[in-house]
Each structure stands twice: as C-alpha cells, then as structure tokens.
C-alpha atoms as a PDB file:
ATOM      1  CA  MET A   1     -14.472  30.254  21.514  1.00  0.00           C
ATOM      2  CA  SER A   2     -14.252  28.198  18.291  1.00  0.00           C
ATOM      3  CA  GLN A   3     -14.596  24.457  18.067  1.00  0.00           C
ATOM      4  CA  VAL A   4     -11.917  22.573  16.336  1.00  0.00           C
ATOM      5  CA  ILE A   5     -13.396  19.709  14.263  1.00  0.00           C
ATOM      6  CA  ARG A   6     -10.971  16.949  13.822  1.00  0.00           C
ATOM      7  CA  ILE A   7     -11.335  14.957  10.593  1.00  0.00           C
ATOM      8  CA  GLY A   8     -10.536  11.225  11.015  1.00  0.00           C
ATOM      9  CA  ARG A   9      -7.927   9.370   9.105  1.00  0.00           C
ATOM     10  CA  SER A  10      -9.755   6.209   8.621  1.00  0.00           C
ATOM     11  CA  ALA A  11      -9.482   4.173   5.555  1.00  0.00           C
ATOM     12  CA  GLY A  12     -11.807   4.720   2.687  1.00  0.00           C
ATOM     13  CA  PHE A  13     -13.031   8.303   3.892  1.00  0.00           C
ATOM     14  CA  GLY A  14      -9.834  10.010   2.893  1.00  0.00           C
ATOM     15  CA  TRP A  15     -11.679  11.483  -0.444  1.00  0.00           C
ATOM     16  CA  CYS A  16     -14.340  12.761   1.908  1.00  0.00           C
ATOM     17  CA  ARG A  17     -11.827  14.544   4.198  1.00  0.00           C
ATOM     18  CA  ARG A  18     -10.287  16.074   1.333  1.00  0.00           C
ATOM     19  CA  LEU A  19     -13.546  17.201  -0.107  1.00  0.00           C
ATOM     20  CA  VAL A  20     -14.369  18.871   3.017  1.00  0.00           C
ATOM     21  CA  VAL A  21     -11.122  20.801   3.297  1.00  0.00           C
ATOM     22  CA  ILE A  22     -11.071  21.766  -0.434  1.00  0.00           C
ATOM     23  CA  THR A  23     -15.049  22.881  -0.101  1.00  0.00           C
ATOM     24  CA  ALA A  24     -14.096  24.991   2.937  1.00  0.00           C
ATOM     25  CA  VAL A  25     -11.192  26.936   1.161  1.00  0.00           C
ATOM     26  CA  LEU A  26     -12.689  27.268  -2.317  1.00  0.00           C
ATOM     27  CA  ILE A  27     -16.476  27.275  -1.785  1.00  0.00           C
ATOM     28  CA  GLU A  28     -16.850  28.942   1.678  1.00  0.00           C
ATOM     29  CA  ASP A  29     -13.843  31.190   0.721  1.00  0.00           C
ATOM     30  CA  ARG A  30     -12.188  30.708   4.090  1.00  0.00           C
ATOM     31  CA  SER A  31      -8.473  31.268   4.541  1.00  0.00           C
ATOM     32  CA  GLN A  32      -6.190  28.130   4.579  1.00  0.00           C
ATOM     33  CA  SER A  33      -4.840  28.959   7.940  1.00  0.00           C
ATOM     34  CA  GLN A  34      -8.262  29.156   9.397  1.00  0.00           C
ATOM     35  CA  VAL A  35      -9.307  25.882   7.845  1.00  0.00           C
ATOM     36  CA  ALA A  36      -6.102  24.170   8.960  1.00  0.00           C
ATOM     37  CA  ARG A  37      -6.850  25.285  12.563  1.00  0.00           C
ATOM     38  CA  ASP A  38     -10.512  24.457  12.341  1.00  0.00           C
ATOM     39  CA  TYR A  39     -10.136  20.920  11.011  1.00  0.00           C
ATOM     40  CA  GLY A  40      -6.712  20.111  12.589  1.00  0.00           C
ATOM     41  CA  VAL A  41      -4.697  19.630   9.501  1.00  0.00           C
ATOM     42  CA  SER A  42      -1.446  21.266   8.243  1.00  0.00           C
ATOM     43  CA  GLN A  43      -1.564  24.492   6.236  1.00  0.00           C
ATOM     44  CA  ARG A  44       0.981  22.792   3.857  1.00  0.00           C
ATOM     45  CA  TRP A  45      -1.359  19.756   3.271  1.00  0.00           C
ATOM     46  CA  ILE A  46      -4.056  22.322   2.377  1.00  0.00           C
ATOM     47  CA  SER A  47      -1.882  24.127  -0.073  1.00  0.00           C
ATOM     48  CA  ARG A  48      -1.187  20.797  -1.699  1.00  0.00           C
ATOM     49  CA  LEU A  49      -4.798  19.961  -1.839  1.00  0.00           C
ATOM     50  CA  VAL A  50      -5.794  23.340  -3.416  1.00  0.00           C
ATOM     51  CA  ALA A  51      -3.027  23.258  -5.982  1.00  0.00           C
ATOM     52  CA  ARG A  52      -3.903  19.584  -6.910  1.00  0.00           C
ATOM     53  CA  ASP A  53      -7.432  20.567  -7.375  1.00  0.00           C
ATOM     54  CA  LYS A  54      -6.441  23.402  -9.817  1.00  0.00           C
ATOM     55  CA  THR A  55      -4.273  21.119 -11.801  1.00  0.00           C
ATOM     56  CA  GLU A  56      -6.356  17.703 -11.753  1.00  0.00           C
ATOM     57  CA  GLY A  57     -10.108  18.755 -11.000  1.00  0.00           C
ATOM     58  CA  ASP A  58     -12.084  16.165  -9.475  1.00  0.00           C
ATOM     59  CA  LYS A  59      -9.195  13.731  -9.662  1.00  0.00           C
ATOM     60  CA  ALA A  60      -7.623  15.630  -6.652  1.00  0.00           C
ATOM     61  CA  PHE A  61     -10.096  13.815  -4.403  1.00  0.00           C
ATOM     62  CA  ALA A  62      -9.335  10.285  -5.467  1.00  0.00           C
ATOM     63  CA  PRO A  63      -6.984   8.101  -3.444  1.00  0.00           C
ATOM     64  CA  ARG A  64      -3.333   8.034  -4.585  1.00  0.00           C
ATOM     65  CA  SER A  65      -1.105   5.097  -4.554  1.00  0.00           C
ATOM     66  CA  ARG A  66       1.728   5.303  -1.812  1.00  0.00           C
ATOM     67  CA  ARG A  67       3.836   2.859  -3.604  1.00  0.00           C
ATOM     68  CA  PRO A  68       7.301   4.305  -4.467  1.00  0.00           C
ATOM     69  CA  HIS A  69       8.000   4.993  -8.050  1.00  0.00           C
ATOM     70  CA  THR A  70      11.533   3.241  -7.889  1.00  0.00           C
ATOM     71  CA  SER A  71      12.971   0.610  -5.980  1.00  0.00           C
ATOM     72  CA  PRO A  72      16.274   1.749  -4.240  1.00  0.00           C
ATOM     73  CA  HIS A  73      17.514  -1.787  -3.402  1.00  0.00           C
ATOM     74  CA  PRO A  74      16.312  -4.373  -5.998  1.00  0.00           C
ATOM     75  CA  ILE A  75      17.376  -7.764  -5.590  1.00  0.00           C
ATOM     76  CA  ALA A  76      19.659  -9.357  -8.365  1.00  0.00           C
ATOM     77  CA  THR A  77      18.438 -11.482 -10.937  1.00  0.00           C
ATOM     78  CA  VAL A  78      20.414 -14.628  -9.772  1.00  0.00           C
ATOM     79  CA  GLN A  79      18.615 -14.258  -6.134  1.00  0.00           C
ATOM     80  CA  ASP A  80      15.241 -13.809  -8.209  1.00  0.00           C
ATOM     81  CA  ASP A  81      15.808 -17.039  -9.958  1.00  0.00           C
ATOM     82  CA  LEU A  82      16.980 -18.682  -6.864  1.00  0.00           C
ATOM     83  CA  ILE A  83      13.809 -17.649  -4.762  1.00  0.00           C
ATOM     84  CA  THR A  84      11.421 -18.691  -7.526  1.00  0.00           C
ATOM     85  CA  ASP A  85      13.168 -22.261  -7.831  1.00  0.00           C
ATOM     86  CA  LEU A  86      13.287 -22.726  -4.388  1.00  0.00           C
ATOM     87  CA  ARG A  87       9.610 -21.783  -3.955  1.00  0.00           C
ATOM     88  CA  GLY A  88       8.673 -24.147  -6.777  1.00  0.00           C
ATOM     89  CA  GLU A  89      10.788 -26.997  -5.158  1.00  0.00           C
ATOM     90  CA  LEU A  90       9.235 -26.489  -1.650  1.00  0.00           C
ATOM     91  CA  ARG A  91       5.729 -26.340  -3.226  1.00  0.00           C
ATOM     92  CA  GLY A  92       6.406 -29.400  -5.370  1.00  0.00           C
ATOM     93  CA  LYS A  93       7.251 -31.451  -1.936  1.00  0.00           C
ATOM     94  CA  GLY A  94       4.142 -29.984  -0.448  1.00  0.00           C
ATOM     95  CA  LEU A  95       6.139 -27.931   2.221  1.00  0.00           C
ATOM     96  CA  ASP A  96       5.511 -24.327   3.309  1.00  0.00           C
ATOM     97  CA  HIS A  97       6.872 -22.154   0.715  1.00  0.00           C
ATOM     98  CA  GLY A  98       5.970 -18.707   2.012  1.00  0.00           C
ATOM     99  CA  PRO A  99       8.381 -15.862   2.706  1.00  0.00           C
ATOM    100  CA  HIS A 100       9.712 -16.633   6.200  1.00  0.00           C
ATOM    101  CA  THR A 101      10.656 -20.294   5.011  1.00  0.00           C
ATOM    102  CA  ILE A 102      12.249 -18.864   1.982  1.00  0.00           C
ATOM    103  CA  ALA A 103      14.270 -16.424   3.993  1.00  0.00           C
ATOM    104  CA  TRP A 104      15.166 -19.365   6.161  1.00  0.00           C
ATOM    105  CA  HIS A 105      16.479 -21.464   3.378  1.00  0.00           C
ATOM    106  CA  LEU A 106      18.313 -18.639   1.736  1.00  0.00           C
ATOM    107  CA  HIS A 107      20.158 -17.880   4.888  1.00  0.00           C
ATOM    108  CA  HIS A 108      21.003 -21.172   6.103  1.00  0.00           C
ATOM    109  CA  HIS A 109      21.704 -23.118   2.705  1.00  0.00           C
ATOM    110  CA  HIS A 110      22.773 -20.389   0.473  1.00  0.00           C
ATOM    111  CA  HIS A 111      24.178 -17.656   2.889  1.00  0.00           C
ATOM    112  CA  LEU A 112      22.055 -14.924   1.524  1.00  0.00           C
ATOM    113  CA  SER A 113      20.150 -12.399   3.262  1.00  0.00           C
ATOM    114  CA  VAL A 114      16.889 -11.298   1.501  1.00  0.00           C
ATOM    115  CA  GLY A 115      14.200  -9.644   3.276  1.00  0.00           C
ATOM    116  CA  ARG A 116      10.759 -11.571   3.625  1.00  0.00           C
ATOM    117  CA  ASP A 117       9.236  -8.505   2.210  1.00  0.00           C
ATOM    118  CA  ASP A 118      11.379  -8.552  -0.884  1.00  0.00           C
ATOM    119  CA  GLN A 119      10.449 -12.150  -1.992  1.00  0.00           C
ATOM    120  CA  PRO A 120       6.758 -12.067  -3.549  1.00  0.00           C
ATOM    121  CA  ALA A 121       7.640  -9.346  -5.868  1.00  0.00           C
ATOM    122  CA  PRO A 122      10.275 -11.352  -7.799  1.00  0.00           C
ATOM    123  CA  ALA A 123       7.846 -13.960  -8.637  1.00  0.00           C
ATOM    124  CA  ARG A 124       5.017 -11.682  -9.593  1.00  0.00           C
ATOM    125  CA  ARG A 125       7.521 -10.426 -12.134  1.00  0.00           C
ATOM    126  CA  ARG A 126       8.082 -13.520 -13.637  1.00  0.00           C
ATOM    127  CA  PRO A 127       5.449 -14.831 -16.575  1.00  0.00           C
ATOM    128  CA  GLY A 128       3.891 -18.004 -15.684  1.00  0.00           C
ATOM    129  CA  VAL A 129       4.680 -17.945 -11.884  1.00  0.00           C
ATOM    130  CA  THR A 130       1.841 -17.584  -9.491  1.00  0.00           C
ATOM    131  CA  GLN A 131       1.485 -16.664  -5.745  1.00  0.00           C
ATOM    132  CA  PRO A 132      -0.850 -18.479  -3.505  1.00  0.00           C
ATOM    133  CA  ALA A 133      -3.917 -16.528  -3.751  1.00  0.00           C
ATOM    134  CA  GLU A 134      -5.157 -14.665  -0.457  1.00  0.00           C
ATOM    135  CA  THR A 135      -8.771 -15.428   0.688  1.00  0.00           C
ATOM    136  CA  PRO A 136     -10.485 -11.867   1.471  1.00  0.00           C
ATOM    137  CA  SER A 137     -11.882 -11.881   4.976  1.00  0.00           C
ATOM    138  CA  SER A 138     -15.192 -10.610   3.840  1.00  0.00           C
ATOM    139  CA  VAL A 139     -15.782 -13.864   1.651  1.00  0.00           C
ATOM    140  CA  PRO A 140     -17.442 -16.587   4.044  1.00  0.00           C
ATOM    141  CA  ALA A 141     -15.841 -19.987   4.555  1.00  0.00           C
ATOM    142  CA  PRO A 142     -17.439 -22.740   2.708  1.00  0.00           C
ATOM    143  CA  PRO A 143     -19.726 -25.098   4.580  1.00  0.00           C
ATOM    144  CA  PRO A 144     -17.786 -28.180   5.709  1.00  0.00           C
ATOM    145  CA  SER A 145     -18.192 -31.251   3.410  1.00  0.00           C
ATOM    146  CA  LYS A 146     -19.777 -34.358   4.820  1.00  0.00           C
END
C-alpha cells in the first residue's frame, strides 16, 4: 500500500512545495496522475506548474501575487476626494481616522456606503497623502522612557 504524502500550504513554503512536485514529474519522470495522488494535490494544478515551468523556467517556483489585475467596482473620484478630506480633517483634530471611523462618517453624515476595505486604496493613489505606517510584529517595542 502506497503512502500519501500531504504537502502543507503554510506561507513561505509554497516555492518548496512547487519544486517538489515539479521535480517528481520532470526529474523522476513520474506521471502527473501518480504525483497528484502521492502528494494530495490536483492533477490540474500539476499541469499548470509543468506548463509554467516550460515557459518561465525557474520563475515558476516564485510566489505570485493574488491581487486582481482590475478593480471591478472602483470608487468614484468624488468619494475618493471626500475620504481623503475626511481623513485629513479627523487626523488634524487628533481623532481616529481609520477605515471603520471613515465608513461611519460617510454613512451617517454623507449617506454614502463605501466598504472599509475600499478606503485605504484611494489615499495611496493620491500623491502627497500618507497612510499611518503599520509596525511589524517582529520589531521589538522600544523600552519605556523615564
């Protein structure tokens, strides 16, 4: 009885996973069906990897962006300007100017419905407008000042 080896999908090891599968098909000369069964992946995914390896070479193993190429529902320029102005006004007053707060103000004061996930993007598109920087969790916090 053959043992099925499941390859994990943890972040950062995707290239390794792709490399193992490609190696099994191209170097070990095993069939795509057998490799799919042994590693618990779909045969279609293996076919895509093999095709990508033939066209791109080593770049086939590099991670690819999942960001869509187009935005099917972009917000209007008027809303973009309103969000940017509102964010600047709240920031100037020292108030919270995050996406939830902006969504609340747009809904209650302007009767607009813009999703909280749509809000940071307009500000990044505008020159001279900065978003609050996120602190990576891997950076240790500075010692408390005395």
